[in-house]
Amino acid sequence: MSKKPKVIALTESTTGRNITFKDTETKAVMTRAAFVERIKQGAYPDYTVKLINGVPTPVSKPDGNEANNLG
């Protein structure tokens, strides 16, 4: 498995949807849309995009380790 960059959620909406994210290795802060685009470009191979309530949403690919989930 590739080395997984640790991405954390920085802010979330009142409904609980993550809004901004931070790559703790590069220190890059991204909007949800920017993170989704970077995942689609292959920059984060251990993450995928799911359509949740009609909104493209970044999610960690399951690996059995709950510590790797977006927090």
N, C-alpha and C. Protein backbone atom coordinates (compact mmCIF):
# COMPACT_ATOMS: atom_id res chain seq x y z
N MET A 1 0.86 -1.18 0.00
CA MET A 1 0.00 0.00 0.00
C MET A 1 0.90 1.24 0.00
N SER A 2 0.44 2.28 -0.66
CA SER A 2 1.23 3.51 -0.70
C SER A 2 1.25 4.18 0.67
N LYS A 3 2.24 5.04 0.84
CA LYS A 3 2.32 5.79 2.09
C LYS A 3 1.14 6.77 2.12
N LYS A 4 0.35 6.69 3.15
CA LYS A 4 -0.88 7.49 3.22
C LYS A 4 -0.60 8.85 3.85
N PRO A 5 -0.77 9.93 3.06
CA PRO A 5 -0.67 11.25 3.67
C PRO A 5 -1.79 11.40 4.70
N LYS A 6 -1.49 11.97 5.79
CA LYS A 6 -2.50 12.18 6.83
C LYS A 6 -3.26 13.46 6.48
N VAL A 7 -4.51 13.29 6.12
CA VAL A 7 -5.38 14.42 5.82
C VAL A 7 -6.41 14.51 6.93
N ILE A 8 -6.55 15.70 7.47
CA ILE A 8 -7.54 15.90 8.53
C ILE A 8 -8.56 16.94 8.08
N ALA A 9 -9.75 16.81 8.61
CA ALA A 9 -10.79 17.81 8.36
C ALA A 9 -10.59 18.95 9.36
N LEU A 10 -10.57 20.18 8.85
CA LEU A 10 -10.39 21.35 9.72
C LEU A 10 -11.71 21.94 10.17
N THR A 11 -12.66 22.04 9.25
CA THR A 11 -13.96 22.64 9.58
C THR A 11 -15.07 21.80 8.98
N GLU A 12 -16.23 21.92 9.59
CA GLU A 12 -17.40 21.21 9.06
C GLU A 12 -18.62 22.11 9.16
N SER A 13 -19.61 21.78 8.33
CA SER A 13 -20.85 22.55 8.32
C SER A 13 -21.70 22.17 9.53
N THR A 14 -22.81 22.87 9.70
CA THR A 14 -23.72 22.57 10.81
C THR A 14 -24.35 21.19 10.66
N THR A 15 -24.34 20.65 9.42
CA THR A 15 -24.89 19.31 9.19
C THR A 15 -23.83 18.22 9.35
N GLY A 16 -22.58 18.63 9.60
CA GLY A 16 -21.52 17.65 9.82
C GLY A 16 -20.69 17.34 8.59
N ARG A 17 -20.97 17.98 7.45
CA ARG A 17 -20.17 17.75 6.24
C ARG A 17 -18.84 18.49 6.37
N ASN A 18 -17.74 17.78 6.13
CA ASN A 18 -16.42 18.40 6.19
C ASN A 18 -16.30 19.44 5.07
N ILE A 19 -15.75 20.61 5.43
CA ILE A 19 -15.66 21.73 4.49
C ILE A 19 -14.22 21.99 4.05
N THR A 20 -13.29 22.04 5.01
CA THR A 20 -11.89 22.26 4.66
C THR A 20 -11.03 21.15 5.25
N PHE A 21 -9.92 20.89 4.57
CA PHE A 21 -9.04 19.78 4.90
C PHE A 21 -7.60 20.26 4.92
N LYS A 22 -6.75 19.55 5.68
CA LYS A 22 -5.33 19.88 5.72
C LYS A 22 -4.50 18.61 5.55
N ASP A 23 -3.58 18.66 4.63
CA ASP A 23 -2.59 17.60 4.46
C ASP A 23 -1.50 17.90 5.48
N THR A 24 -1.34 17.06 6.47
CA THR A 24 -0.40 17.35 7.56
C THR A 24 1.06 17.18 7.14
N GLU A 25 1.32 16.55 6.00
CA GLU A 25 2.69 16.43 5.52
C GLU A 25 3.12 17.69 4.76
N THR A 26 2.27 18.16 3.86
CA THR A 26 2.63 19.33 3.03
C THR A 26 2.12 20.63 3.64
N LYS A 27 1.24 20.51 4.63
CA LYS A 27 0.59 21.67 5.28
C LYS A 27 -0.42 22.36 4.37
N ALA A 28 -0.73 21.77 3.22
CA ALA A 28 -1.69 22.36 2.29
C ALA A 28 -3.09 22.31 2.90
N VAL A 29 -3.80 23.44 2.81
CA VAL A 29 -5.19 23.53 3.25
C VAL A 29 -6.04 23.58 1.98
N MET A 30 -7.07 22.73 1.93
CA MET A 30 -7.89 22.60 0.73
C MET A 30 -9.38 22.67 1.07
N THR A 31 -10.14 23.24 0.16
CA THR A 31 -11.60 23.16 0.26
C THR A 31 -12.00 21.73 -0.09
N ARG A 32 -13.24 21.38 0.18
CA ARG A 32 -13.73 20.05 -0.19
C ARG A 32 -13.58 19.85 -1.69
N ALA A 33 -13.99 20.84 -2.48
CA ALA A 33 -13.92 20.71 -3.94
C ALA A 33 -12.47 20.53 -4.41
N ALA A 34 -11.54 21.27 -3.81
CA ALA A 34 -10.13 21.15 -4.20
C ALA A 34 -9.58 19.78 -3.82
N PHE A 35 -9.94 19.28 -2.64
CA PHE A 35 -9.49 17.95 -2.22
C PHE A 35 -10.06 16.88 -3.14
N VAL A 36 -11.33 16.99 -3.49
CA VAL A 36 -11.96 16.05 -4.42
C VAL A 36 -11.20 16.05 -5.74
N GLU A 37 -10.88 17.22 -6.26
CA GLU A 37 -10.16 17.32 -7.53
C GLU A 37 -8.78 16.69 -7.43
N ARG A 38 -8.07 16.93 -6.33
CA ARG A 38 -6.74 16.34 -6.14
C ARG A 38 -6.82 14.82 -6.05
N ILE A 39 -7.87 14.30 -5.42
CA ILE A 39 -8.07 12.84 -5.36
C ILE A 39 -8.27 12.30 -6.77
N LYS A 40 -9.11 12.96 -7.55
CA LYS A 40 -9.39 12.53 -8.93
C LYS A 40 -8.14 12.58 -9.80
N GLN A 41 -7.22 13.51 -9.51
CA GLN A 41 -5.98 13.64 -10.26
C GLN A 41 -4.94 12.60 -9.84
N GLY A 42 -5.22 11.86 -8.77
CA GLY A 42 -4.31 10.83 -8.31
C GLY A 42 -3.33 11.26 -7.24
N ALA A 43 -3.47 12.47 -6.72
CA ALA A 43 -2.54 12.97 -5.71
C ALA A 43 -2.70 12.26 -4.36
N TYR A 44 -3.88 11.70 -4.12
CA TYR A 44 -4.15 11.03 -2.85
C TYR A 44 -4.75 9.64 -3.15
N PRO A 45 -3.89 8.67 -3.52
CA PRO A 45 -4.39 7.36 -3.95
C PRO A 45 -5.09 6.56 -2.85
N ASP A 46 -4.93 6.93 -1.60
CA ASP A 46 -5.57 6.20 -0.52
C ASP A 46 -6.92 6.79 -0.13
N TYR A 47 -7.39 7.72 -0.96
CA TYR A 47 -8.70 8.34 -0.75
C TYR A 47 -9.51 8.18 -2.02
N THR A 48 -10.81 8.20 -1.87
CA THR A 48 -11.71 8.10 -3.01
C THR A 48 -12.82 9.13 -2.84
N VAL A 49 -13.63 9.28 -3.88
CA VAL A 49 -14.72 10.24 -3.84
C VAL A 49 -16.03 9.48 -3.96
N LYS A 50 -16.94 9.73 -3.02
CA LYS A 50 -18.28 9.15 -3.07
C LYS A 50 -19.28 10.27 -3.23
N LEU A 51 -20.36 9.98 -3.92
CA LEU A 51 -21.44 10.94 -4.08
C LEU A 51 -22.40 10.73 -2.91
N ILE A 52 -22.43 11.69 -1.98
CA ILE A 52 -23.28 11.59 -0.80
C ILE A 52 -24.28 12.73 -0.84
N ASN A 53 -25.54 12.38 -0.92
CA ASN A 53 -26.63 13.37 -1.05
C ASN A 53 -26.37 14.32 -2.21
N GLY A 54 -25.84 13.77 -3.30
CA GLY A 54 -25.60 14.55 -4.50
C GLY A 54 -24.34 15.40 -4.48
N VAL A 55 -23.52 15.28 -3.43
CA VAL A 55 -22.32 16.10 -3.29
C VAL A 55 -21.08 15.19 -3.33
N PRO A 56 -20.13 15.45 -4.24
CA PRO A 56 -18.88 14.68 -4.24
C PRO A 56 -18.16 14.89 -2.91
N THR A 57 -17.87 13.75 -2.23
CA THR A 57 -17.34 13.81 -0.88
C THR A 57 -16.10 12.94 -0.76
N PRO A 58 -14.98 13.51 -0.28
CA PRO A 58 -13.77 12.70 -0.11
C PRO A 58 -13.91 11.75 1.08
N VAL A 59 -13.46 10.51 0.88
CA VAL A 59 -13.47 9.52 1.95
C VAL A 59 -12.19 8.70 1.88
N SER A 60 -11.74 8.23 3.03
CA SER A 60 -10.58 7.34 3.08
C SER A 60 -10.97 5.99 2.53
N LYS A 61 -10.06 5.36 1.78
CA LYS A 61 -10.30 3.98 1.35
C LYS A 61 -10.13 3.11 2.58
N PRO A 62 -11.03 2.17 2.81
CA PRO A 62 -10.95 1.31 4.00
C PRO A 62 -9.66 0.49 4.01
N ASP A 63 -9.02 0.45 5.18
CA ASP A 63 -7.85 -0.40 5.34
C ASP A 63 -7.88 -1.12 6.68
N GLY A 64 -9.02 -1.03 7.38
CA GLY A 64 -9.16 -1.70 8.65
C GLY A 64 -8.62 -0.93 9.84
N ASN A 65 -8.08 0.26 9.61
CA ASN A 65 -7.51 1.06 10.68
C ASN A 65 -8.33 2.32 10.86
N GLU A 66 -9.13 2.38 11.92
CA GLU A 66 -10.00 3.54 12.15
C GLU A 66 -9.21 4.83 12.36
N ALA A 67 -7.95 4.74 12.76
CA ALA A 67 -7.12 5.91 12.96
C ALA A 67 -6.85 6.65 11.64
N ASN A 68 -7.05 5.97 10.51
CA ASN A 68 -6.81 6.58 9.21
C ASN A 68 -8.03 7.29 8.66
N ASN A 69 -9.14 7.25 9.36
CA ASN A 69 -10.34 7.92 8.88
C ASN A 69 -10.18 9.42 8.99
N LEU A 70 -10.85 10.16 8.09
CA LEU A 70 -10.81 11.61 8.18
C LEU A 70 -11.39 12.02 9.51
N GLY A 71 -10.68 12.90 10.21
CA GLY A 71 -11.13 13.30 11.53
C GLY A 71 -11.64 14.71 11.57
